[in-house]
Amino acid sequence: PVGEPGDYKVTFKSGFSAARIMNSY
């Protein structure tokens, strides 16, 4: 049978991606 869902998706999830839109240095 399918096991109970774990909480690793919440506990061990971390990541990001961001862009710079300013034209100045």
mmCIF file of all heavy atoms, coordinates in Angstrom:
data_MODEL
# 
_entry.id   MODEL 
# 
loop_
_atom_site.group_PDB 
_atom_site.id 
_atom_site.type_symbol 
_atom_site.label_atom_id 
_atom_site.label_alt_id 
_atom_site.label_comp_id 
_atom_site.label_asym_id 
_atom_site.label_entity_id 
_atom_site.label_seq_id 
_atom_site.pdbx_PDB_ins_code 
_atom_site.Cartn_x 
_atom_site.Cartn_y 
_atom_site.Cartn_z 
_atom_site.occupancy 
_atom_site.B_iso_or_equiv 
_atom_site.pdbx_formal_charge 
_atom_site.auth_seq_id 
_atom_site.auth_comp_id 
_atom_site.auth_asym_id 
_atom_site.auth_atom_id 
_atom_site.pdbx_PDB_model_num 
ATOM 1   N N   . PRO A 1 1  ? 0.829  -1.213 0.000   1.00 0.00 ? 1  PRO A N   1 
ATOM 2   C CA  . PRO A 1 1  ? 0.000  0.000  0.000   1.00 0.00 ? 1  PRO A CA  1 
ATOM 3   C C   . PRO A 1 1  ? 0.861  1.259  0.000   1.00 0.00 ? 1  PRO A C   1 
ATOM 4   O O   . PRO A 1 1  ? 2.013  1.245  0.444   1.00 0.00 ? 1  PRO A O   1 
ATOM 5   C CB  . PRO A 1 1  ? -0.800 -0.119 1.302   1.00 0.00 ? 1  PRO A CB  1 
ATOM 6   C CG  . PRO A 1 1  ? 0.040  -0.999 2.174   1.00 0.00 ? 1  PRO A CG  1 
ATOM 7   C CD  . PRO A 1 1  ? 0.728  -1.968 1.256   1.00 0.00 ? 1  PRO A CD  1 
ATOM 8   N N   . VAL A 1 2  ? 0.325  2.314  -0.505  1.00 0.00 ? 2  VAL A N   1 
ATOM 9   C CA  . VAL A 1 2  ? 1.031  3.593  -0.552  1.00 0.00 ? 2  VAL A CA  1 
ATOM 10  C C   . VAL A 1 2  ? 1.231  4.112  0.867   1.00 0.00 ? 2  VAL A C   1 
ATOM 11  O O   . VAL A 1 2  ? 0.305  4.098  1.681   1.00 0.00 ? 2  VAL A O   1 
ATOM 12  C CB  . VAL A 1 2  ? 0.236  4.617  -1.395  1.00 0.00 ? 2  VAL A CB  1 
ATOM 13  C CG1 . VAL A 1 2  ? 0.956  5.955  -1.403  1.00 0.00 ? 2  VAL A CG1 1 
ATOM 14  C CG2 . VAL A 1 2  ? 0.046  4.080  -2.808  1.00 0.00 ? 2  VAL A CG2 1 
ATOM 15  N N   . GLY A 1 3  ? 2.446  4.514  1.182   1.00 0.00 ? 3  GLY A N   1 
ATOM 16  C CA  . GLY A 1 3  ? 2.740  5.012  2.520   1.00 0.00 ? 3  GLY A CA  1 
ATOM 17  C C   . GLY A 1 3  ? 2.195  6.415  2.742   1.00 0.00 ? 3  GLY A C   1 
ATOM 18  O O   . GLY A 1 3  ? 1.745  7.094  1.804   1.00 0.00 ? 3  GLY A O   1 
ATOM 19  N N   . GLU A 1 4  ? 2.267  6.822  3.989   1.00 0.00 ? 4  GLU A N   1 
ATOM 20  C CA  . GLU A 1 4  ? 1.800  8.166  4.328   1.00 0.00 ? 4  GLU A CA  1 
ATOM 21  C C   . GLU A 1 4  ? 2.776  9.207  3.772   1.00 0.00 ? 4  GLU A C   1 
ATOM 22  O O   . GLU A 1 4  ? 3.984  8.974  3.729   1.00 0.00 ? 4  GLU A O   1 
ATOM 23  C CB  . GLU A 1 4  ? 1.698  8.316  5.840   1.00 0.00 ? 4  GLU A CB  1 
ATOM 24  C CG  . GLU A 1 4  ? 0.667  7.389  6.463   1.00 0.00 ? 4  GLU A CG  1 
ATOM 25  C CD  . GLU A 1 4  ? 0.578  7.594  7.950   1.00 0.00 ? 4  GLU A CD  1 
ATOM 26  O OE1 . GLU A 1 4  ? 1.325  8.446  8.476   1.00 0.00 ? 4  GLU A OE1 1 
ATOM 27  O OE2 . GLU A 1 4  ? -0.234 6.913  8.596   1.00 0.00 ? 4  GLU A OE2 1 
ATOM 28  N N   . PRO A 1 5  ? 2.277  10.323 3.324   1.00 0.00 ? 5  PRO A N   1 
ATOM 29  C CA  . PRO A 1 5  ? 3.172  11.357 2.783   1.00 0.00 ? 5  PRO A CA  1 
ATOM 30  C C   . PRO A 1 5  ? 4.108  11.897 3.851   1.00 0.00 ? 5  PRO A C   1 
ATOM 31  O O   . PRO A 1 5  ? 3.709  12.120 4.990   1.00 0.00 ? 5  PRO A O   1 
ATOM 32  C CB  . PRO A 1 5  ? 2.200  12.435 2.276   1.00 0.00 ? 5  PRO A CB  1 
ATOM 33  C CG  . PRO A 1 5  ? 0.937  12.202 3.054   1.00 0.00 ? 5  PRO A CG  1 
ATOM 34  C CD  . PRO A 1 5  ? 0.861  10.727 3.301   1.00 0.00 ? 5  PRO A CD  1 
ATOM 35  N N   . GLY A 1 6  ? 5.379  12.043 3.490   1.00 0.00 ? 6  GLY A N   1 
ATOM 36  C CA  . GLY A 1 6  ? 6.347  12.604 4.415   1.00 0.00 ? 6  GLY A CA  1 
ATOM 37  C C   . GLY A 1 6  ? 6.341  14.121 4.368   1.00 0.00 ? 6  GLY A C   1 
ATOM 38  O O   . GLY A 1 6  ? 5.659  14.733 3.544   1.00 0.00 ? 6  GLY A O   1 
ATOM 39  N N   . ASP A 1 7  ? 7.130  14.721 5.265   1.00 0.00 ? 7  ASP A N   1 
ATOM 40  C CA  . ASP A 1 7  ? 7.175  16.176 5.318   1.00 0.00 ? 7  ASP A CA  1 
ATOM 41  C C   . ASP A 1 7  ? 8.469  16.733 4.757   1.00 0.00 ? 7  ASP A C   1 
ATOM 42  O O   . ASP A 1 7  ? 8.783  17.898 4.932   1.00 0.00 ? 7  ASP A O   1 
ATOM 43  C CB  . ASP A 1 7  ? 7.006  16.670 6.758   1.00 0.00 ? 7  ASP A CB  1 
ATOM 44  C CG  . ASP A 1 7  ? 8.065  16.076 7.680   1.00 0.00 ? 7  ASP A CG  1 
ATOM 45  O OD1 . ASP A 1 7  ? 8.866  15.245 7.207   1.00 0.00 ? 7  ASP A OD1 1 
ATOM 46  O OD2 . ASP A 1 7  ? 8.095  16.465 8.862   1.00 0.00 ? 7  ASP A OD2 1 
ATOM 47  N N   . TYR A 1 8  ? 9.268  15.868 4.067   1.00 0.00 ? 8  TYR A N   1 
ATOM 48  C CA  . TYR A 1 8  ? 10.536 16.355 3.552   1.00 0.00 ? 8  TYR A CA  1 
ATOM 49  C C   . TYR A 1 8  ? 10.345 17.434 2.500   1.00 0.00 ? 8  TYR A C   1 
ATOM 50  O O   . TYR A 1 8  ? 11.201 18.292 2.312   1.00 0.00 ? 8  TYR A O   1 
ATOM 51  C CB  . TYR A 1 8  ? 11.336 15.193 2.963   1.00 0.00 ? 8  TYR A CB  1 
ATOM 52  C CG  . TYR A 1 8  ? 10.839 14.720 1.622   1.00 0.00 ? 8  TYR A CG  1 
ATOM 53  C CD1 . TYR A 1 8  ? 11.400 15.196 0.438   1.00 0.00 ? 8  TYR A CD1 1 
ATOM 54  C CD2 . TYR A 1 8  ? 9.798  13.805 1.535   1.00 0.00 ? 8  TYR A CD2 1 
ATOM 55  C CE1 . TYR A 1 8  ? 10.943 14.764 -0.786  1.00 0.00 ? 8  TYR A CE1 1 
ATOM 56  C CE2 . TYR A 1 8  ? 9.339  13.365 0.309   1.00 0.00 ? 8  TYR A CE2 1 
ATOM 57  C CZ  . TYR A 1 8  ? 9.915  13.847 -0.848  1.00 0.00 ? 8  TYR A CZ  1 
ATOM 58  O OH  . TYR A 1 8  ? 9.443  13.419 -2.051  1.00 0.00 ? 8  TYR A OH  1 
ATOM 59  N N   . LYS A 1 9  ? 9.208  17.402 1.781   1.00 0.00 ? 9  LYS A N   1 
ATOM 60  C CA  . LYS A 1 9  ? 8.993  18.394 0.737   1.00 0.00 ? 9  LYS A CA  1 
ATOM 61  C C   . LYS A 1 9  ? 8.946  19.804 1.300   1.00 0.00 ? 9  LYS A C   1 
ATOM 62  O O   . LYS A 1 9  ? 9.308  20.764 0.649   1.00 0.00 ? 9  LYS A O   1 
ATOM 63  C CB  . LYS A 1 9  ? 7.695  18.089 -0.011  1.00 0.00 ? 9  LYS A CB  1 
ATOM 64  C CG  . LYS A 1 9  ? 7.751  16.788 -0.817  1.00 0.00 ? 9  LYS A CG  1 
ATOM 65  C CD  . LYS A 1 9  ? 6.460  16.565 -1.567  1.00 0.00 ? 9  LYS A CD  1 
ATOM 66  C CE  . LYS A 1 9  ? 6.505  15.296 -2.388  1.00 0.00 ? 9  LYS A CE  1 
ATOM 67  N NZ  . LYS A 1 9  ? 5.238  15.054 -3.125  1.00 0.00 ? 9  LYS A NZ  1 
ATOM 68  N N   . VAL A 1 10 ? 8.478  19.911 2.536   1.00 0.00 ? 10 VAL A N   1 
ATOM 69  C CA  . VAL A 1 10 ? 8.411  21.219 3.182   1.00 0.00 ? 10 VAL A CA  1 
ATOM 70  C C   . VAL A 1 10 ? 9.681  21.497 3.959   1.00 0.00 ? 10 VAL A C   1 
ATOM 71  O O   . VAL A 1 10 ? 10.279 22.556 3.894   1.00 0.00 ? 10 VAL A O   1 
ATOM 72  C CB  . VAL A 1 10 ? 7.175  21.293 4.105   1.00 0.00 ? 10 VAL A CB  1 
ATOM 73  C CG1 . VAL A 1 10 ? 7.161  22.612 4.854   1.00 0.00 ? 10 VAL A CG1 1 
ATOM 74  C CG2 . VAL A 1 10 ? 5.896  21.107 3.300   1.00 0.00 ? 10 VAL A CG2 1 
ATOM 75  N N   . THR A 1 11 ? 10.156 20.503 4.703   1.00 0.00 ? 11 THR A N   1 
ATOM 76  C CA  . THR A 1 11 ? 11.281 20.711 5.606   1.00 0.00 ? 11 THR A CA  1 
ATOM 77  C C   . THR A 1 11 ? 12.585 20.944 4.862   1.00 0.00 ? 11 THR A C   1 
ATOM 78  O O   . THR A 1 11 ? 13.382 21.807 5.228   1.00 0.00 ? 11 THR A O   1 
ATOM 79  C CB  . THR A 1 11 ? 11.425 19.491 6.517   1.00 0.00 ? 11 THR A CB  1 
ATOM 80  O OG1 . THR A 1 11 ? 10.187 19.254 7.186   1.00 0.00 ? 11 THR A OG1 1 
ATOM 81  C CG2 . THR A 1 11 ? 12.506 19.719 7.550   1.00 0.00 ? 11 THR A CG2 1 
ATOM 82  N N   . PHE A 1 12 ? 12.809 20.208 3.777   1.00 0.00 ? 12 PHE A N   1 
ATOM 83  C CA  . PHE A 1 12 ? 14.101 20.245 3.125   1.00 0.00 ? 12 PHE A CA  1 
ATOM 84  C C   . PHE A 1 12 ? 14.082 20.974 1.785   1.00 0.00 ? 12 PHE A C   1 
ATOM 85  O O   . PHE A 1 12 ? 14.946 20.765 0.960   1.00 0.00 ? 12 PHE A O   1 
ATOM 86  C CB  . PHE A 1 12 ? 14.619 18.814 2.902   1.00 0.00 ? 12 PHE A CB  1 
ATOM 87  C CG  . PHE A 1 12 ? 14.816 18.059 4.183   1.00 0.00 ? 12 PHE A CG  1 
ATOM 88  C CD1 . PHE A 1 12 ? 14.615 16.691 4.223   1.00 0.00 ? 12 PHE A CD1 1 
ATOM 89  C CD2 . PHE A 1 12 ? 15.194 18.707 5.337   1.00 0.00 ? 12 PHE A CD2 1 
ATOM 90  C CE1 . PHE A 1 12 ? 14.804 15.986 5.398   1.00 0.00 ? 12 PHE A CE1 1 
ATOM 91  C CE2 . PHE A 1 12 ? 15.388 18.014 6.515   1.00 0.00 ? 12 PHE A CE2 1 
ATOM 92  C CZ  . PHE A 1 12 ? 15.189 16.649 6.548   1.00 0.00 ? 12 PHE A CZ  1 
ATOM 93  N N   . LYS A 1 13 ? 13.122 21.834 1.564   1.00 0.00 ? 13 LYS A N   1 
ATOM 94  C CA  . LYS A 1 13 ? 13.022 22.534 0.297   1.00 0.00 ? 13 LYS A CA  1 
ATOM 95  C C   . LYS A 1 13 ? 13.523 23.960 0.455   1.00 0.00 ? 13 LYS A C   1 
ATOM 96  O O   . LYS A 1 13 ? 13.107 24.686 1.360   1.00 0.00 ? 13 LYS A O   1 
ATOM 97  C CB  . LYS A 1 13 ? 11.570 22.549 -0.190  1.00 0.00 ? 13 LYS A CB  1 
ATOM 98  C CG  . LYS A 1 13 ? 11.386 23.089 -1.588  1.00 0.00 ? 13 LYS A CG  1 
ATOM 99  C CD  . LYS A 1 13 ? 9.938  22.921 -2.024  1.00 0.00 ? 13 LYS A CD  1 
ATOM 100 C CE  . LYS A 1 13 ? 9.729  23.420 -3.435  1.00 0.00 ? 13 LYS A CE  1 
ATOM 101 N NZ  . LYS A 1 13 ? 8.334  23.276 -3.869  1.00 0.00 ? 13 LYS A NZ  1 
ATOM 102 N N   . SER A 1 14 ? 14.443 24.353 -0.436  1.00 0.00 ? 14 SER A N   1 
ATOM 103 C CA  . SER A 1 14 ? 14.967 25.720 -0.392  1.00 0.00 ? 14 SER A CA  1 
ATOM 104 C C   . SER A 1 14 ? 15.646 26.019 -1.722  1.00 0.00 ? 14 SER A C   1 
ATOM 105 O O   . SER A 1 14 ? 16.475 25.241 -2.201  1.00 0.00 ? 14 SER A O   1 
ATOM 106 C CB  . SER A 1 14 ? 15.974 25.876 0.755   1.00 0.00 ? 14 SER A CB  1 
ATOM 107 O OG  . SER A 1 14 ? 16.455 27.194 0.810   1.00 0.00 ? 14 SER A OG  1 
ATOM 108 N N   . GLY A 1 15 ? 15.262 27.146 -2.319  1.00 0.00 ? 15 GLY A N   1 
ATOM 109 C CA  . GLY A 1 15 ? 15.856 27.541 -3.590  1.00 0.00 ? 15 GLY A CA  1 
ATOM 110 C C   . GLY A 1 15 ? 15.288 28.878 -4.062  1.00 0.00 ? 15 GLY A C   1 
ATOM 111 O O   . GLY A 1 15 ? 14.224 29.304 -3.628  1.00 0.00 ? 15 GLY A O   1 
ATOM 112 N N   . PHE A 1 16 ? 16.026 29.538 -4.962  1.00 0.00 ? 16 PHE A N   1 
ATOM 113 C CA  . PHE A 1 16 ? 15.575 30.839 -5.454  1.00 0.00 ? 16 PHE A CA  1 
ATOM 114 C C   . PHE A 1 16 ? 16.235 31.119 -6.795  1.00 0.00 ? 16 PHE A C   1 
ATOM 115 O O   . PHE A 1 16 ? 17.242 30.493 -7.175  1.00 0.00 ? 16 PHE A O   1 
ATOM 116 C CB  . PHE A 1 16 ? 15.944 31.959 -4.471  1.00 0.00 ? 16 PHE A CB  1 
ATOM 117 C CG  . PHE A 1 16 ? 17.400 32.306 -4.506  1.00 0.00 ? 16 PHE A CG  1 
ATOM 118 C CD1 . PHE A 1 16 ? 17.861 33.388 -5.248  1.00 0.00 ? 16 PHE A CD1 1 
ATOM 119 C CD2 . PHE A 1 16 ? 18.332 31.537 -3.813  1.00 0.00 ? 16 PHE A CD2 1 
ATOM 120 C CE1 . PHE A 1 16 ? 19.207 33.703 -5.293  1.00 0.00 ? 16 PHE A CE1 1 
ATOM 121 C CE2 . PHE A 1 16 ? 19.673 31.845 -3.854  1.00 0.00 ? 16 PHE A CE2 1 
ATOM 122 C CZ  . PHE A 1 16 ? 20.118 32.927 -4.595  1.00 0.00 ? 16 PHE A CZ  1 
ATOM 123 N N   . SER A 1 17 ? 15.675 32.083 -7.498  1.00 0.00 ? 17 SER A N   1 
ATOM 124 C CA  . SER A 1 17 ? 16.269 32.631 -8.721  1.00 0.00 ? 17 SER A CA  1 
ATOM 125 C C   . SER A 1 17 ? 15.709 34.029 -8.910  1.00 0.00 ? 17 SER A C   1 
ATOM 126 O O   . SER A 1 17 ? 14.484 34.231 -8.843  1.00 0.00 ? 17 SER A O   1 
ATOM 127 C CB  . SER A 1 17 ? 15.953 31.746 -9.927  1.00 0.00 ? 17 SER A CB  1 
ATOM 128 O OG  . SER A 1 17 ? 16.657 32.184 -11.077 1.00 0.00 ? 17 SER A OG  1 
ATOM 129 N N   . ALA A 1 18 ? 16.600 35.014 -9.140  1.00 0.00 ? 18 ALA A N   1 
ATOM 130 C CA  . ALA A 1 18 ? 16.169 36.413 -9.273  1.00 0.00 ? 18 ALA A CA  1 
ATOM 131 C C   . ALA A 1 18 ? 16.997 37.106 -10.351 1.00 0.00 ? 18 ALA A C   1 
ATOM 132 O O   . ALA A 1 18 ? 18.154 36.751 -10.594 1.00 0.00 ? 18 ALA A O   1 
ATOM 133 C CB  . ALA A 1 18 ? 16.321 37.147 -7.941  1.00 0.00 ? 18 ALA A CB  1 
ATOM 134 N N   . ALA A 1 19 ? 16.369 38.101 -11.004 1.00 0.00 ? 19 ALA A N   1 
ATOM 135 C CA  . ALA A 1 19 ? 17.024 38.813 -12.105 1.00 0.00 ? 19 ALA A CA  1 
ATOM 136 C C   . ALA A 1 19 ? 17.200 40.291 -11.747 1.00 0.00 ? 19 ALA A C   1 
ATOM 137 O O   . ALA A 1 19 ? 16.421 40.864 -10.990 1.00 0.00 ? 19 ALA A O   1 
ATOM 138 C CB  . ALA A 1 19 ? 16.193 38.670 -13.371 1.00 0.00 ? 19 ALA A CB  1 
ATOM 139 N N   . ARG A 1 20 ? 18.242 40.908 -12.337 1.00 0.00 ? 20 ARG A N   1 
ATOM 140 C CA  . ARG A 1 20 ? 18.481 42.344 -12.135 1.00 0.00 ? 20 ARG A CA  1 
ATOM 141 C C   . ARG A 1 20 ? 17.953 43.092 -13.365 1.00 0.00 ? 20 ARG A C   1 
ATOM 142 O O   . ARG A 1 20 ? 18.293 42.771 -14.510 1.00 0.00 ? 20 ARG A O   1 
ATOM 143 C CB  . ARG A 1 20 ? 19.977 42.622 -11.963 1.00 0.00 ? 20 ARG A CB  1 
ATOM 144 C CG  . ARG A 1 20 ? 20.298 44.097 -11.754 1.00 0.00 ? 20 ARG A CG  1 
ATOM 145 C CD  . ARG A 1 20 ? 21.793 44.277 -11.478 1.00 0.00 ? 20 ARG A CD  1 
ATOM 146 N NE  . ARG A 1 20 ? 22.158 45.692 -11.390 1.00 0.00 ? 20 ARG A NE  1 
ATOM 147 C CZ  . ARG A 1 20 ? 22.037 46.447 -10.307 1.00 0.00 ? 20 ARG A CZ  1 
ATOM 148 N NH1 . ARG A 1 20 ? 21.536 45.926 -9.190  1.00 0.00 ? 20 ARG A NH1 1 
ATOM 149 N NH2 . ARG A 1 20 ? 22.408 47.721 -10.318 1.00 0.00 ? 20 ARG A NH2 1 
ATOM 150 N N   . ILE A 1 21 ? 17.112 44.097 -13.113 1.00 0.00 ? 21 ILE A N   1 
ATOM 151 C CA  . ILE A 1 21 ? 16.502 44.842 -14.210 1.00 0.00 ? 21 ILE A CA  1 
ATOM 152 C C   . ILE A 1 21 ? 17.019 46.289 -14.286 1.00 0.00 ? 21 ILE A C   1 
ATOM 153 O O   . ILE A 1 21 ? 16.659 47.044 -15.183 1.00 0.00 ? 21 ILE A O   1 
ATOM 154 C CB  . ILE A 1 21 ? 14.969 44.841 -14.077 1.00 0.00 ? 21 ILE A CB  1 
ATOM 155 C CG1 . ILE A 1 21 ? 14.549 45.449 -12.737 1.00 0.00 ? 21 ILE A CG1 1 
ATOM 156 C CG2 . ILE A 1 21 ? 14.426 43.424 -14.227 1.00 0.00 ? 21 ILE A CG2 1 
ATOM 157 C CD1 . ILE A 1 21 ? 13.040 45.549 -12.570 1.00 0.00 ? 21 ILE A CD1 1 
ATOM 158 N N   . MET A 1 22 ? 17.866 46.685 -13.321 1.00 0.00 ? 22 MET A N   1 
ATOM 159 C CA  . MET A 1 22 ? 18.424 48.035 -13.335 1.00 0.00 ? 22 MET A CA  1 
ATOM 160 C C   . MET A 1 22 ? 19.513 48.149 -14.395 1.00 0.00 ? 22 MET A C   1 
ATOM 161 O O   . MET A 1 22 ? 20.353 47.262 -14.526 1.00 0.00 ? 22 MET A O   1 
ATOM 162 C CB  . MET A 1 22 ? 19.004 48.387 -11.971 1.00 0.00 ? 22 MET A CB  1 
ATOM 163 C CG  . MET A 1 22 ? 17.978 48.441 -10.863 1.00 0.00 ? 22 MET A CG  1 
ATOM 164 S SD  . MET A 1 22 ? 18.768 48.911 -9.303  1.00 0.00 ? 22 MET A SD  1 
ATOM 165 C CE  . MET A 1 22 ? 17.357 48.842 -8.201  1.00 0.00 ? 22 MET A CE  1 
ATOM 166 N N   . ASN A 1 23 ? 19.509 49.251 -15.113 1.00 0.00 ? 23 ASN A N   1 
ATOM 167 C CA  . ASN A 1 23 ? 20.503 49.484 -16.152 1.00 0.00 ? 23 ASN A CA  1 
ATOM 168 C C   . ASN A 1 23 ? 21.773 50.113 -15.598 1.00 0.00 ? 23 ASN A C   1 
ATOM 169 O O   . ASN A 1 23 ? 22.824 50.101 -16.240 1.00 0.00 ? 23 ASN A O   1 
ATOM 170 C CB  . ASN A 1 23 ? 19.910 50.386 -17.249 1.00 0.00 ? 23 ASN A CB  1 
ATOM 171 C CG  . ASN A 1 23 ? 20.752 50.394 -18.494 1.00 0.00 ? 23 ASN A CG  1 
ATOM 172 O OD1 . ASN A 1 23 ? 21.562 49.497 -18.724 1.00 0.00 ? 23 ASN A OD1 1 
ATOM 173 N ND2 . ASN A 1 23 ? 20.576 51.428 -19.317 1.00 0.00 ? 23 ASN A ND2 1 
ATOM 174 N N   . SER A 1 24 ? 21.704 50.647 -14.392 1.00 0.00 ? 24 SER A N   1 
ATOM 175 C CA  . SER A 1 24 ? 22.869 51.310 -13.791 1.00 0.00 ? 24 SER A CA  1 
ATOM 176 C C   . SER A 1 24 ? 23.803 50.281 -13.166 1.00 0.00 ? 24 SER A C   1 
ATOM 177 O O   . SER A 1 24 ? 23.385 49.176 -12.799 1.00 0.00 ? 24 SER A O   1 
ATOM 178 C CB  . SER A 1 24 ? 22.414 52.309 -12.720 1.00 0.00 ? 24 SER A CB  1 
ATOM 179 O OG  . SER A 1 24 ? 21.674 51.630 -11.717 1.00 0.00 ? 24 SER A OG  1 
ATOM 180 N N   . TYR A 1 25 ? 25.077 50.668 -13.052 1.00 0.00 ? 25 TYR A N   1 
ATOM 181 C CA  . TYR A 1 25 ? 26.055 49.784 -12.436 1.00 0.00 ? 25 TYR A CA  1 
ATOM 182 C C   . TYR A 1 25 ? 25.784 49.686 -10.931 1.00 0.00 ? 25 TYR A C   1 
ATOM 183 O O   . TYR A 1 25 ? 25.437 50.679 -10.282 1.00 0.00 ? 25 TYR A O   1 
ATOM 184 C CB  . TYR A 1 25 ? 27.465 50.299 -12.649 1.00 0.00 ? 25 TYR A CB  1 
ATOM 185 C CG  . TYR A 1 25 ? 27.920 50.309 -14.095 1.00 0.00 ? 25 TYR A CG  1 
ATOM 186 C CD1 . TYR A 1 25 ? 28.933 51.187 -14.508 1.00 0.00 ? 25 TYR A CD1 1 
ATOM 187 C CD2 . TYR A 1 25 ? 27.349 49.461 -15.028 1.00 0.00 ? 25 TYR A CD2 1 
ATOM 188 C CE1 . TYR A 1 25 ? 29.368 51.202 -15.823 1.00 0.00 ? 25 TYR A CE1 1 
ATOM 189 C CE2 . TYR A 1 25 ? 27.773 49.480 -16.349 1.00 0.00 ? 25 TYR A CE2 1 
ATOM 190 C CZ  . TYR A 1 25 ? 28.773 50.340 -16.741 1.00 0.00 ? 25 TYR A CZ  1 
ATOM 191 O OH  . TYR A 1 25 ? 29.180 50.368 -18.045 1.00 0.00 ? 25 TYR A OH  1 
# 
